[in-house]
Amino acid sequence: MQVVGTQVMPVGGGKAGFVVEFVGDGGEVVSVQLKNDAERSLNRQNAIQKAKELLSQIASSKSPEGETMNVRLSARASHDRSTLEEQLDEGLEDTFPASDPVSVTGTTIKH
């Protein structure tokens, strides 16, 4: 995978942490969710480097032979409507006021 783009999205306005997405040339997307610490030392500038370090640690670690990984289904995959609604609300709160509908106003005066 050749990385062609990187996106950094705040969680809870950045106070809770960040999600870093690496976009590949074949349309692949690898997401890394990083939680902020008590000092809130994680920020938009260092989130990419921290995500790369975490991915490097994961890639170099060995899992025991024959052991299966515990996989937690996403809310969408498990059809958990309550969690989907929660995630939607969080997303709308994180993007407020950009998520509010746009009001159309006209400045022309009719004669």
PDB file of N, CA and C in Angstrom:
ATOM      1  N   MET A   1       0.849  -1.181   0.000  1.00  0.00           N
ATOM      2  CA  MET A   1       0.000   0.000   0.000  1.00  0.00           C
ATOM      3  C   MET A   1       0.891   1.239   0.000  1.00  0.00           C
ATOM      4  N   GLN A   2       0.662   2.097  -0.940  1.00  0.00           N
ATOM      5  CA  GLN A   2       1.359   3.378  -0.998  1.00  0.00           C
ATOM      6  C   GLN A   2       0.419   4.437  -0.437  1.00  0.00           C
ATOM      7  N   VAL A   3       0.828   5.122   0.626  1.00  0.00           N
ATOM      8  CA  VAL A   3      -0.022   6.135   1.248  1.00  0.00           C
ATOM      9  C   VAL A   3      -0.048   7.373   0.363  1.00  0.00           C
ATOM     10  N   VAL A   4      -1.271   7.779  -0.023  1.00  0.00           N
ATOM     11  CA  VAL A   4      -1.432   8.948  -0.881  1.00  0.00           C
ATOM     12  C   VAL A   4      -2.116  10.102  -0.155  1.00  0.00           C
ATOM     13  N   GLY A   5      -2.593   9.843   1.053  1.00  0.00           N
ATOM     14  CA  GLY A   5      -3.254  10.903   1.811  1.00  0.00           C
ATOM     15  C   GLY A   5      -3.350  10.544   3.276  1.00  0.00           C
ATOM     16  N   THR A   6      -3.430  11.564   4.097  1.00  0.00           N
ATOM     17  CA  THR A   6      -3.565  11.377   5.540  1.00  0.00           C
ATOM     18  C   THR A   6      -4.575  12.389   6.052  1.00  0.00           C
ATOM     19  N   GLN A   7      -5.476  11.919   6.904  1.00  0.00           N
ATOM     20  CA  GLN A   7      -6.470  12.806   7.504  1.00  0.00           C
ATOM     21  C   GLN A   7      -6.374  12.695   9.018  1.00  0.00           C
ATOM     22  N   VAL A   8      -6.489  13.823   9.691  1.00  0.00           N
ATOM     23  CA  VAL A   8      -6.493  13.849  11.154  1.00  0.00           C
ATOM     24  C   VAL A   8      -7.815  14.467  11.588  1.00  0.00           C
ATOM     25  N   MET A   9      -8.601  13.689  12.338  1.00  0.00           N
ATOM     26  CA  MET A   9      -9.909  14.160  12.782  1.00  0.00           C
ATOM     27  C   MET A   9      -9.964  14.174  14.304  1.00  0.00           C
ATOM     28  N   PRO A  10     -10.376  15.302  14.886  1.00  0.00           N
ATOM     29  CA  PRO A  10     -10.458  15.376  16.345  1.00  0.00           C
ATOM     30  C   PRO A  10     -11.631  14.566  16.883  1.00  0.00           C
ATOM     31  N   VAL A  11     -11.456  14.006  18.060  1.00  0.00           N
ATOM     32  CA  VAL A  11     -12.531  13.324  18.780  1.00  0.00           C
ATOM     33  C   VAL A  11     -12.841  14.192  19.988  1.00  0.00           C
ATOM     34  N   GLY A  12     -14.085  14.618  20.099  1.00  0.00           N
ATOM     35  CA  GLY A  12     -14.439  15.509  21.213  1.00  0.00           C
ATOM     36  C   GLY A  12     -13.719  16.837  21.127  1.00  0.00           C
ATOM     37  N   GLY A  13     -13.582  17.359  19.918  1.00  0.00           N
ATOM     38  CA  GLY A  13     -12.883  18.626  19.737  1.00  0.00           C
ATOM     39  C   GLY A  13     -11.389  18.526  19.962  1.00  0.00           C
ATOM     40  N   GLY A  14     -10.851  17.302  19.971  1.00  0.00           N
ATOM     41  CA  GLY A  14      -9.427  17.084  20.201  1.00  0.00           C
ATOM     42  C   GLY A  14      -9.110  16.812  21.663  1.00  0.00           C
ATOM     43  N   LYS A  15     -10.051  17.108  22.546  1.00  0.00           N
ATOM     44  CA  LYS A  15      -9.819  16.885  23.980  1.00  0.00           C
ATOM     45  C   LYS A  15      -9.749  15.401  24.297  1.00  0.00           C
ATOM     46  N   ALA A  16     -10.580  14.598  23.631  1.00  0.00           N
ATOM     47  CA  ALA A  16     -10.592  13.150  23.878  1.00  0.00           C
ATOM     48  C   ALA A  16      -9.499  12.439  23.094  1.00  0.00           C
ATOM     49  N   GLY A  17      -9.054  13.024  21.987  1.00  0.00           N
ATOM     50  CA  GLY A  17      -8.021  12.409  21.166  1.00  0.00           C
ATOM     51  C   GLY A  17      -8.214  12.718  19.697  1.00  0.00           C
ATOM     52  N   PHE A  18      -7.640  11.871  18.848  1.00  0.00           N
ATOM     53  CA  PHE A  18      -7.706  12.073  17.405  1.00  0.00           C
ATOM     54  C   PHE A  18      -7.814  10.731  16.703  1.00  0.00           C
ATOM     55  N   VAL A  19      -8.412  10.751  15.522  1.00  0.00           N
ATOM     56  CA  VAL A  19      -8.410   9.596  14.632  1.00  0.00           C
ATOM     57  C   VAL A  19      -7.559   9.993  13.435  1.00  0.00           C
ATOM     58  N   VAL A  20      -6.562   9.173  13.139  1.00  0.00           N
ATOM     59  CA  VAL A  20      -5.694   9.416  11.986  1.00  0.00           C
ATOM     60  C   VAL A  20      -6.015   8.354  10.947  1.00  0.00           C
ATOM     61  N   GLU A  21      -6.315   8.792   9.721  1.00  0.00           N
ATOM     62  CA  GLU A  21      -6.602   7.860   8.633  1.00  0.00           C
ATOM     63  C   GLU A  21      -5.522   7.979   7.566  1.00  0.00           C
ATOM     64  N   PHE A  22      -4.948   6.837   7.217  1.00  0.00           N
ATOM     65  CA  PHE A  22      -3.972   6.762   6.135  1.00  0.00           C
ATOM     66  C   PHE A  22      -4.704   6.185   4.932  1.00  0.00           C
ATOM     67  N   VAL A  23      -4.697   6.909   3.811  1.00  0.00           N
ATOM     68  CA  VAL A  23      -5.420   6.498   2.610  1.00  0.00           C
ATOM     69  C   VAL A  23      -4.417   5.971   1.593  1.00  0.00           C
ATOM     70  N   GLY A  24      -4.672   4.754   1.094  1.00  0.00           N
ATOM     71  CA  GLY A  24      -3.780   4.119   0.142  1.00  0.00           C
ATOM     72  C   GLY A  24      -4.172   4.381  -1.296  1.00  0.00           C
ATOM     73  N   ASP A  25      -3.239   4.122  -2.203  1.00  0.00           N
ATOM     74  CA  ASP A  25      -3.479   4.354  -3.623  1.00  0.00           C
ATOM     75  C   ASP A  25      -4.532   3.420  -4.210  1.00  0.00           C
ATOM     76  N   GLY A  26      -4.838   2.333  -3.539  1.00  0.00           N
ATOM     77  CA  GLY A  26      -5.874   1.416  -4.009  1.00  0.00           C
ATOM     78  C   GLY A  26      -7.206   1.627  -3.317  1.00  0.00           C
ATOM     79  N   GLY A  27      -7.339   2.728  -2.587  1.00  0.00           N
ATOM     80  CA  GLY A  27      -8.573   3.017  -1.878  1.00  0.00           C
ATOM     81  C   GLY A  27      -8.620   2.448  -0.471  1.00  0.00           C
ATOM     82  N   GLU A  28      -7.526   1.812  -0.023  1.00  0.00           N
ATOM     83  CA  GLU A  28      -7.485   1.269   1.328  1.00  0.00           C
ATOM     84  C   GLU A  28      -7.452   2.427   2.332  1.00  0.00           C
ATOM     85  N   VAL A  29      -8.034   2.192   3.496  1.00  0.00           N
ATOM     86  CA  VAL A  29      -7.995   3.177   4.573  1.00  0.00           C
ATOM     87  C   VAL A  29      -7.646   2.453   5.867  1.00  0.00           C
ATOM     88  N   VAL A  30      -6.596   2.931   6.526  1.00  0.00           N
ATOM     89  CA  VAL A  30      -6.204   2.397   7.826  1.00  0.00           C
ATOM     90  C   VAL A  30      -6.446   3.508   8.840  1.00  0.00           C
ATOM     91  N   SER A  31      -7.290   3.227   9.828  1.00  0.00           N
ATOM     92  CA  SER A  31      -7.627   4.220  10.850  1.00  0.00           C
ATOM     93  C   SER A  31      -6.969   3.859  12.171  1.00  0.00           C
ATOM     94  N   VAL A  32      -6.429   4.874  12.830  1.00  0.00           N
ATOM     95  CA  VAL A  32      -5.824   4.695  14.144  1.00  0.00           C
ATOM     96  C   VAL A  32      -6.479   5.705  15.079  1.00  0.00           C
ATOM     97  N   GLN A  33      -7.115   5.208  16.139  1.00  0.00           N
ATOM     98  CA  GLN A  33      -7.725   6.101  17.121  1.00  0.00           C
ATOM     99  C   GLN A  33      -6.781   6.240  18.300  1.00  0.00           C
ATOM    100  N   LEU A  34      -6.411   7.480  18.588  1.00  0.00           N
ATOM    101  CA  LEU A  34      -5.480   7.782  19.673  1.00  0.00           C
ATOM    102  C   LEU A  34      -6.212   8.555  20.759  1.00  0.00           C
ATOM    103  N   LYS A  35      -6.142   8.068  21.981  1.00  0.00           N
ATOM    104  CA  LYS A  35      -6.767   8.778  23.098  1.00  0.00           C
ATOM    105  C   LYS A  35      -5.766   9.755  23.688  1.00  0.00           C
ATOM    106  N   ASN A  36      -6.263  10.911  24.076  1.00  0.00           N
ATOM    107  CA  ASN A  36      -5.410  11.921  24.684  1.00  0.00           C
ATOM    108  C   ASN A  36      -5.144  11.565  26.141  1.00  0.00           C
ATOM    109  N   ASP A  37      -4.014  12.030  26.665  1.00  0.00           N
ATOM    110  CA  ASP A  37      -3.686  11.780  28.068  1.00  0.00           C
ATOM    111  C   ASP A  37      -4.195  12.934  28.936  1.00  0.00           C
ATOM    112  N   ALA A  38      -3.958  12.855  30.224  1.00  0.00           N
ATOM    113  CA  ALA A  38      -4.451  13.863  31.167  1.00  0.00           C
ATOM    114  C   ALA A  38      -3.882  15.251  30.870  1.00  0.00           C
ATOM    115  N   GLU A  39      -2.656  15.303  30.353  1.00  0.00           N
ATOM    116  CA  GLU A  39      -2.025  16.594  30.035  1.00  0.00           C
ATOM    117  C   GLU A  39      -2.434  17.117  28.663  1.00  0.00           C
ATOM    118  N   ARG A  40      -3.197  16.311  27.935  1.00  0.00           N
ATOM    119  CA  ARG A  40      -3.622  16.645  26.562  1.00  0.00           C
ATOM    120  C   ARG A  40      -2.420  16.980  25.677  1.00  0.00           C
ATOM    121  N   SER A  41      -1.405  16.118  25.748  1.00  0.00           N
ATOM    122  CA  SER A  41      -0.190  16.345  24.968  1.00  0.00           C
ATOM    123  C   SER A  41      -0.363  15.961  23.503  1.00  0.00           C
ATOM    124  N   LEU A  42      -1.404  15.201  23.192  1.00  0.00           N
ATOM    125  CA  LEU A  42      -1.667  14.822  21.802  1.00  0.00           C
ATOM    126  C   LEU A  42      -2.356  15.983  21.102  1.00  0.00           C
ATOM    127  N   ASN A  43      -1.847  16.335  19.918  1.00  0.00           N
ATOM    128  CA  ASN A  43      -2.466  17.418  19.151  1.00  0.00           C
ATOM    129  C   ASN A  43      -2.436  17.064  17.671  1.00  0.00           C
ATOM    130  N   ARG A  44      -3.028  17.927  16.865  1.00  0.00           N
ATOM    131  CA  ARG A  44      -3.124  17.675  15.420  1.00  0.00           C
ATOM    132  C   ARG A  44      -1.742  17.525  14.779  1.00  0.00           C
ATOM    133  N   GLN A  45      -0.750  18.242  15.293  1.00  0.00           N
ATOM    134  CA  GLN A  45       0.587  18.198  14.701  1.00  0.00           C
ATOM    135  C   GLN A  45       1.325  16.893  15.004  1.00  0.00           C
ATOM    136  N   ASN A  46       1.179  16.334  16.210  1.00  0.00           N
ATOM    137  CA  ASN A  46       1.940  15.128  16.537  1.00  0.00           C
ATOM    138  C   ASN A  46       1.127  13.838  16.420  1.00  0.00           C
ATOM    139  N   ALA A  47      -0.151  13.930  16.093  1.00  0.00           N
ATOM    140  CA  ALA A  47      -1.009  12.741  16.008  1.00  0.00           C
ATOM    141  C   ALA A  47      -0.548  11.780  14.908  1.00  0.00           C
ATOM    142  N   ILE A  48      -0.119  12.297  13.765  1.00  0.00           N
ATOM    143  CA  ILE A  48       0.315  11.432  12.659  1.00  0.00           C
ATOM    144  C   ILE A  48       1.544  10.628  13.070  1.00  0.00           C
ATOM    145  N   GLN A  49       2.514  11.288  13.687  1.00  0.00           N
ATOM    146  CA  GLN A  49       3.727  10.589  14.119  1.00  0.00           C
ATOM    147  C   GLN A  49       3.406   9.528  15.161  1.00  0.00           C
ATOM    148  N   LYS A  50       2.533   9.851  16.120  1.00  0.00           N
ATOM    149  CA  LYS A  50       2.142   8.879  17.154  1.00  0.00           C
ATOM    150  C   LYS A  50       1.433   7.685  16.523  1.00  0.00           C
ATOM    151  N   ALA A  51       0.584   7.936  15.514  1.00  0.00           N
ATOM    152  CA  ALA A  51      -0.124   6.845  14.836  1.00  0.00           C
ATOM    153  C   ALA A  51       0.862   5.955  14.085  1.00  0.00           C
ATOM    154  N   LYS A  52       1.856   6.559  13.428  1.00  0.00           N
ATOM    155  CA  LYS A  52       2.876   5.774  12.723  1.00  0.00           C
ATOM    156  C   LYS A  52       3.675   4.916  13.696  1.00  0.00           C
ATOM    157  N   GLU A  53       4.022   5.485  14.854  1.00  0.00           N
ATOM    158  CA  GLU A  53       4.763   4.725  15.867  1.00  0.00           C
ATOM    159  C   GLU A  53       3.947   3.534  16.356  1.00  0.00           C
ATOM    160  N   LEU A  54       2.655   3.746  16.581  1.00  0.00           N
ATOM    161  CA  LEU A  54       1.789   2.666  17.045  1.00  0.00           C
ATOM    162  C   LEU A  54       1.669   1.565  15.990  1.00  0.00           C
ATOM    163  N   LEU A  55       1.482   1.952  14.731  1.00  0.00           N
ATOM    164  CA  LEU A  55       1.392   0.956  13.655  1.00  0.00           C
ATOM    165  C   LEU A  55       2.693   0.176  13.515  1.00  0.00           C
ATOM    166  N   SER A  56       3.823   0.855  13.693  1.00  0.00           N
ATOM    167  CA  SER A  56       5.119   0.186  13.622  1.00  0.00           C
ATOM    168  C   SER A  56       5.266  -0.837  14.745  1.00  0.00           C
ATOM    169  N   GLN A  57       4.833  -0.472  15.949  1.00  0.00           N
ATOM    170  CA  GLN A  57       4.887  -1.404  17.077  1.00  0.00           C
ATOM    171  C   GLN A  57       4.002  -2.620  16.819  1.00  0.00           C
ATOM    172  N   ILE A  58       2.825  -2.382  16.270  1.00  0.00           N
ATOM    173  CA  ILE A  58       1.908  -3.486  15.978  1.00  0.00           C
ATOM    174  C   ILE A  58       2.502  -4.404  14.917  1.00  0.00           C
ATOM    175  N   ALA A  59       3.077  -3.805  13.868  1.00  0.00           N
ATOM    176  CA  ALA A  59       3.638  -4.601  12.775  1.00  0.00           C
ATOM    177  C   ALA A  59       4.823  -5.437  13.234  1.00  0.00           C
ATOM    178  N   SER A  60       5.602  -4.937  14.181  1.00  0.00           N
ATOM    179  CA  SER A  60       6.788  -5.673  14.621  1.00  0.00           C
ATOM    180  C   SER A  60       6.501  -6.665  15.750  1.00  0.00           C
ATOM    181  N   SER A  61       5.321  -6.589  16.337  1.00  0.00           N
ATOM    182  CA  SER A  61       5.003  -7.535  17.418  1.00  0.00           C
ATOM    183  C   SER A  61       4.537  -8.860  16.823  1.00  0.00           C
ATOM    184  N   LYS A  62       4.825  -9.926  17.546  1.00  0.00           N
ATOM    185  CA  LYS A  62       4.443 -11.254  17.073  1.00  0.00           C
ATOM    186  C   LYS A  62       3.292 -11.763  17.920  1.00  0.00           C
ATOM    187  N   SER A  63       2.306 -12.339  17.241  1.00  0.00           N
ATOM    188  CA  SER A  63       1.210 -12.951  17.987  1.00  0.00           C
ATOM    189  C   SER A  63       1.537 -14.425  18.172  1.00  0.00           C
ATOM    190  N   PRO A  64       1.116 -14.998  19.274  1.00  0.00           N
ATOM    191  CA  PRO A  64       1.396 -16.418  19.521  1.00  0.00           C
ATOM    192  C   PRO A  64       0.822 -17.303  18.412  1.00  0.00           C
ATOM    193  N   GLU A  65       1.561 -18.348  18.064  1.00  0.00           N
ATOM    194  CA  GLU A  65       1.128 -19.269  17.012  1.00  0.00           C
ATOM    195  C   GLU A  65      -0.217 -19.893  17.354  1.00  0.00           C
ATOM    196  N   GLY A  66      -1.089 -19.938  16.375  1.00  0.00           N
ATOM    197  CA  GLY A  66      -2.375 -20.596  16.536  1.00  0.00           C
ATOM    198  C   GLY A  66      -3.391 -19.814  17.340  1.00  0.00           C
ATOM    199  N   GLU A  67      -3.019 -18.657  17.835  1.00  0.00           N
ATOM    200  CA  GLU A  67      -3.963 -17.872  18.628  1.00  0.00           C
ATOM    201  C   GLU A  67      -4.775 -16.977  17.708  1.00  0.00           C
ATOM    202  N   THR A  68      -6.059 -16.947  17.924  1.00  0.00           N
ATOM    203  CA  THR A  68      -6.922 -16.090  17.112  1.00  0.00           C
ATOM    204  C   THR A  68      -7.107 -14.760  17.820  1.00  0.00           C
ATOM    205  N   MET A  69      -7.349 -13.749  17.032  1.00  0.00           N
ATOM    206  CA  MET A  69      -7.550 -12.418  17.582  1.00  0.00           C
ATOM    207  C   MET A  69      -9.017 -12.236  17.946  1.00  0.00           C
ATOM    208  N   ASN A  70      -9.256 -11.505  19.011  1.00  0.00           N
ATOM    209  CA  ASN A  70     -10.619 -11.117  19.350  1.00  0.00           C
ATOM    210  C   ASN A  70     -10.973  -9.902  18.519  1.00  0.00           C
ATOM    211  N   VAL A  71     -12.002 -10.019  17.717  1.00  0.00           N
ATOM    212  CA  VAL A  71     -12.411  -8.936  16.840  1.00  0.00           C
ATOM    213  C   VAL A  71     -13.751  -8.407  17.324  1.00  0.00           C
ATOM    214  N   ARG A  72     -13.808  -7.115  17.525  1.00  0.00           N
ATOM    215  CA  ARG A  72     -15.061  -6.484  17.936  1.00  0.00           C
ATOM    216  C   ARG A  72     -15.704  -5.856  16.710  1.00  0.00           C
ATOM    217  N   LEU A  73     -16.919  -6.268  16.422  1.00  0.00           N
ATOM    218  CA  LEU A  73     -17.621  -5.728  15.268  1.00  0.00           C
ATOM    219  C   LEU A  73     -17.945  -4.257  15.490  1.00  0.00           C
ATOM    220  N   SER A  74     -17.925  -3.499  14.406  1.00  0.00           N
ATOM    221  CA  SER A  74     -18.326  -2.102  14.496  1.00  0.00           C
ATOM    222  C   SER A  74     -19.833  -2.038  14.710  1.00  0.00           C
ATOM    223  N   ALA A  75     -20.308  -0.875  15.100  1.00  0.00           N
ATOM    224  CA  ALA A  75     -21.749  -0.708  15.321  1.00  0.00           C
ATOM    225  C   ALA A  75     -22.515  -0.998  14.039  1.00  0.00           C
ATOM    226  N   ARG A  76     -21.944  -0.607  12.909  1.00  0.00           N
ATOM    227  CA  ARG A  76     -22.621  -0.849  11.629  1.00  0.00           C
ATOM    228  C   ARG A  76     -22.671  -2.334  11.320  1.00  0.00           C
ATOM    229  N   ALA A  77     -21.556  -3.032  11.514  1.00  0.00           N
ATOM    230  CA  ALA A  77     -21.508  -4.463  11.198  1.00  0.00           C
ATOM    231  C   ALA A  77     -22.392  -5.281  12.133  1.00  0.00           C
ATOM    232  N   SER A  78     -22.518  -4.844  13.383  1.00  0.00           N
ATOM    233  CA  SER A  78     -23.339  -5.595  14.337  1.00  0.00           C
ATOM    234  C   SER A  78     -24.789  -5.116  14.359  1.00  0.00           C
ATOM    235  N   HIS A  79     -25.102  -4.141  13.499  1.00  0.00           N
ATOM    236  CA  HIS A  79     -26.458  -3.586  13.380  1.00  0.00           C
ATOM    237  C   HIS A  79     -26.956  -3.018  14.707  1.00  0.00           C
ATOM    238  N   ASP A  80     -26.063  -2.364  15.442  1.00  0.00           N
ATOM    239  CA  ASP A  80     -26.404  -1.768  16.732  1.00  0.00           C
ATOM    240  C   ASP A  80     -26.899  -0.343  16.500  1.00  0.00           C
ATOM    241  N   ARG A  81     -28.202  -0.192  16.360  1.00  0.00           N
ATOM    242  CA  ARG A  81     -28.803   1.099  16.030  1.00  0.00           C
ATOM    243  C   ARG A  81     -28.536   2.155  17.112  1.00  0.00           C
ATOM    244  N   SER A  82     -28.569   1.752  18.365  1.00  0.00           N
ATOM    245  CA  SER A  82     -28.349   2.682  19.474  1.00  0.00           C
ATOM    246  C   SER A  82     -26.950   3.295  19.403  1.00  0.00           C
ATOM    247  N   THR A  83     -25.938   2.455  19.171  1.00  0.00           N
ATOM    248  CA  THR A  83     -24.564   2.952  19.075  1.00  0.00           C
ATOM    249  C   THR A  83     -24.383   3.814  17.831  1.00  0.00           C
ATOM    250  N   LEU A  84     -25.020   3.436  16.723  1.00  0.00           N
ATOM    251  CA  LEU A  84     -24.945   4.256  15.514  1.00  0.00           C
ATOM    252  C   LEU A  84     -25.507   5.651  15.774  1.00  0.00           C
ATOM    253  N   GLU A  85     -26.638   5.719  16.474  1.00  0.00           N
ATOM    254  CA  GLU A  85     -27.235   7.015  16.806  1.00  0.00           C
ATOM    255  C   GLU A  85     -26.294   7.828  17.696  1.00  0.00           C
ATOM    256  N   GLU A  86     -25.660   7.159  18.662  1.00  0.00           N
ATOM    257  CA  GLU A  86     -24.699   7.822  19.545  1.00  0.00           C
ATOM    258  C   GLU A  86     -23.538   8.398  18.749  1.00  0.00           C
ATOM    259  N   GLN A  87     -22.996   7.588  17.821  1.00  0.00           N
ATOM    260  CA  GLN A  87     -21.871   8.032  17.008  1.00  0.00           C
ATOM    261  C   GLN A  87     -22.267   9.199  16.111  1.00  0.00           C
ATOM    262  N   LEU A  88     -23.486   9.163  15.582  1.00  0.00           N
ATOM    263  CA  LEU A  88     -23.972  10.264  14.754  1.00  0.00           C
ATOM    264  C   LEU A  88     -24.063  11.541  15.581  1.00  0.00           C
ATOM    265  N   ASP A  89     -24.638  11.441  16.779  1.00  0.00           N
ATOM    266  CA  ASP A  89     -24.742  12.610  17.653  1.00  0.00           C
ATOM    267  C   ASP A  89     -23.367  13.178  17.987  1.00  0.00           C
ATOM    268  N   GLU A  90     -22.398  12.297  18.302  1.00  0.00           N
ATOM    269  CA  GLU A  90     -21.042  12.755  18.609  1.00  0.00           C
ATOM    270  C   GLU A  90     -20.427  13.454  17.406  1.00  0.00           C
ATOM    271  N   GLY A  91     -20.623  12.883  16.227  1.00  0.00           N
ATOM    272  CA  GLY A  91     -20.081  13.483  15.013  1.00  0.00           C
ATOM    273  C   GLY A  91     -20.674  14.848  14.741  1.00  0.00           C
ATOM    274  N   LEU A  92     -21.983  14.974  14.950  1.00  0.00           N
ATOM    275  CA  LEU A  92     -22.628  16.269  14.740  1.00  0.00           C
ATOM    276  C   LEU A  92     -22.146  17.293  15.760  1.00  0.00           C
ATOM    277  N   GLU A  93     -21.964  16.870  17.010  1.00  0.00           N
ATOM    278  CA  GLU A  93     -21.453  17.780  18.034  1.00  0.00           C
ATOM    279  C   GLU A  93     -20.032  18.226  17.708  1.00  0.00           C
ATOM    280  N   ASP A  94     -19.212  17.297  17.205  1.00  0.00           N
ATOM    281  CA  ASP A  94     -17.821  17.621  16.878  1.00  0.00           C
ATOM    282  C   ASP A  94     -17.718  18.601  15.721  1.00  0.00           C
ATOM    283  N   THR A  95     -18.714  18.608  14.828  1.00  0.00           N
ATOM    284  CA  THR A  95     -18.638  19.464  13.644  1.00  0.00           C
ATOM    285  C   THR A  95     -19.525  20.694  13.750  1.00  0.00           C
ATOM    286  N   PHE A  96     -20.174  20.898  14.893  1.00  0.00           N
ATOM    287  CA  PHE A  96     -21.031  22.064  15.071  1.00  0.00           C
ATOM    288  C   PHE A  96     -20.192  23.326  14.974  1.00  0.00           C
ATOM    289  N   PRO A  97     -20.565  24.399  14.338  1.00  0.00           N
ATOM    290  CA  PRO A  97     -21.827  24.691  13.685  1.00  0.00           C
ATOM    291  C   PRO A  97     -21.865  24.301  12.214  1.00  0.00           C
ATOM    292  N   ALA A  98     -20.791  23.687  11.719  1.00  0.00           N
ATOM    293  CA  ALA A  98     -20.758  23.327  10.296  1.00  0.00           C
ATOM    294  C   ALA A  98     -21.847  22.324   9.940  1.00  0.00           C
ATOM    295  N   SER A  99     -22.347  21.562  10.910  1.00  0.00           N
ATOM    296  CA  SER A  99     -23.362  20.559  10.628  1.00  0.00           C
ATOM    297  C   SER A  99     -24.773  21.135  10.618  1.00  0.00           C
ATOM    298  N   ASP A 100     -24.924  22.403  11.008  1.00  0.00           N
ATOM    299  CA  ASP A 100     -26.250  23.016  10.978  1.00  0.00           C
ATOM    300  C   ASP A 100     -26.643  23.326   9.542  1.00  0.00           C
ATOM    301  N   PRO A 101     -27.929  23.214   9.227  1.00  0.00           N
ATOM    302  CA  PRO A 101     -28.361  23.530   7.864  1.00  0.00           C
ATOM    303  C   PRO A 101     -28.068  24.989   7.534  1.00  0.00           C
ATOM    304  N   VAL A 102     -27.757  25.223   6.303  1.00  0.00           N
ATOM    305  CA  VAL A 102     -27.442  26.567   5.844  1.00  0.00           C
ATOM    306  C   VAL A 102     -28.742  27.307   5.558  1.00  0.00           C
ATOM    307  N   SER A 103     -28.839  28.535   6.024  1.00  0.00           N
ATOM    308  CA  SER A 103     -29.995  29.372   5.719  1.00  0.00           C
ATOM    309  C   SER A 103     -29.673  30.181   4.478  1.00  0.00           C
ATOM    310  N   VAL A 104     -30.613  30.205   3.564  1.00  0.00           N
ATOM    311  CA  VAL A 104     -30.417  30.961   2.334  1.00  0.00           C
ATOM    312  C   VAL A 104     -31.051  32.331   2.518  1.00  0.00           C
ATOM    313  N   THR A 105     -30.275  33.362   2.258  1.00  0.00           N
ATOM    314  CA  THR A 105     -30.800  34.723   2.337  1.00  0.00           C
ATOM    315  C   THR A 105     -30.473  35.438   1.048  1.00  0.00           C
ATOM    316  N   GLY A 106     -31.325  36.321   0.674  1.00  0.00           N
ATOM    317  CA  GLY A 106     -31.099  37.118  -0.528  1.00  0.00           C
ATOM    318  C   GLY A 106     -30.842  38.557  -0.151  1.00  0.00           C
ATOM    319  N   THR A 107     -29.995  39.216  -0.916  1.00  0.00           N
ATOM    320  CA  THR A 107     -29.668  40.611  -0.620  1.00  0.00           C
ATOM    321  C   THR A 107     -30.201  41.561  -1.679  1.00  0.00           C
ATOM    322  N   THR A 108     -30.945  41.040  -2.637  1.00  0.00           N
ATOM    323  CA  THR A 108     -31.470  41.919  -3.686  1.00  0.00           C
ATOM    324  C   THR A 108     -32.763  42.567  -3.211  1.00  0.00           C
ATOM    325  N   ILE A 109     -32.962  43.788  -3.640  1.00  0.00           N
ATOM    326  CA  ILE A 109     -34.173  44.532  -3.290  1.00  0.00           C
ATOM    327  C   ILE A 109     -35.099  44.496  -4.489  1.00  0.00           C
ATOM    328  N   LYS A 110     -36.342  44.066  -4.255  1.00  0.00           N
ATOM    329  CA  LYS A 110     -37.323  44.008  -5.342  1.00  0.00           C
ATOM    330  C   LYS A 110     -37.951  45.380  -5.507  1.00  0.00           C
ATOM    331  N   HIS A 111     -38.168  45.783  -6.757  1.00  0.00           N
ATOM    332  CA  HIS A 111     -38.779  47.090  -7.049  1.00  0.00           C
ATOM    333  C   HIS A 111     -40.237  46.956  -7.294  1.00  0.00           C
TER     334      HIS A 111
END
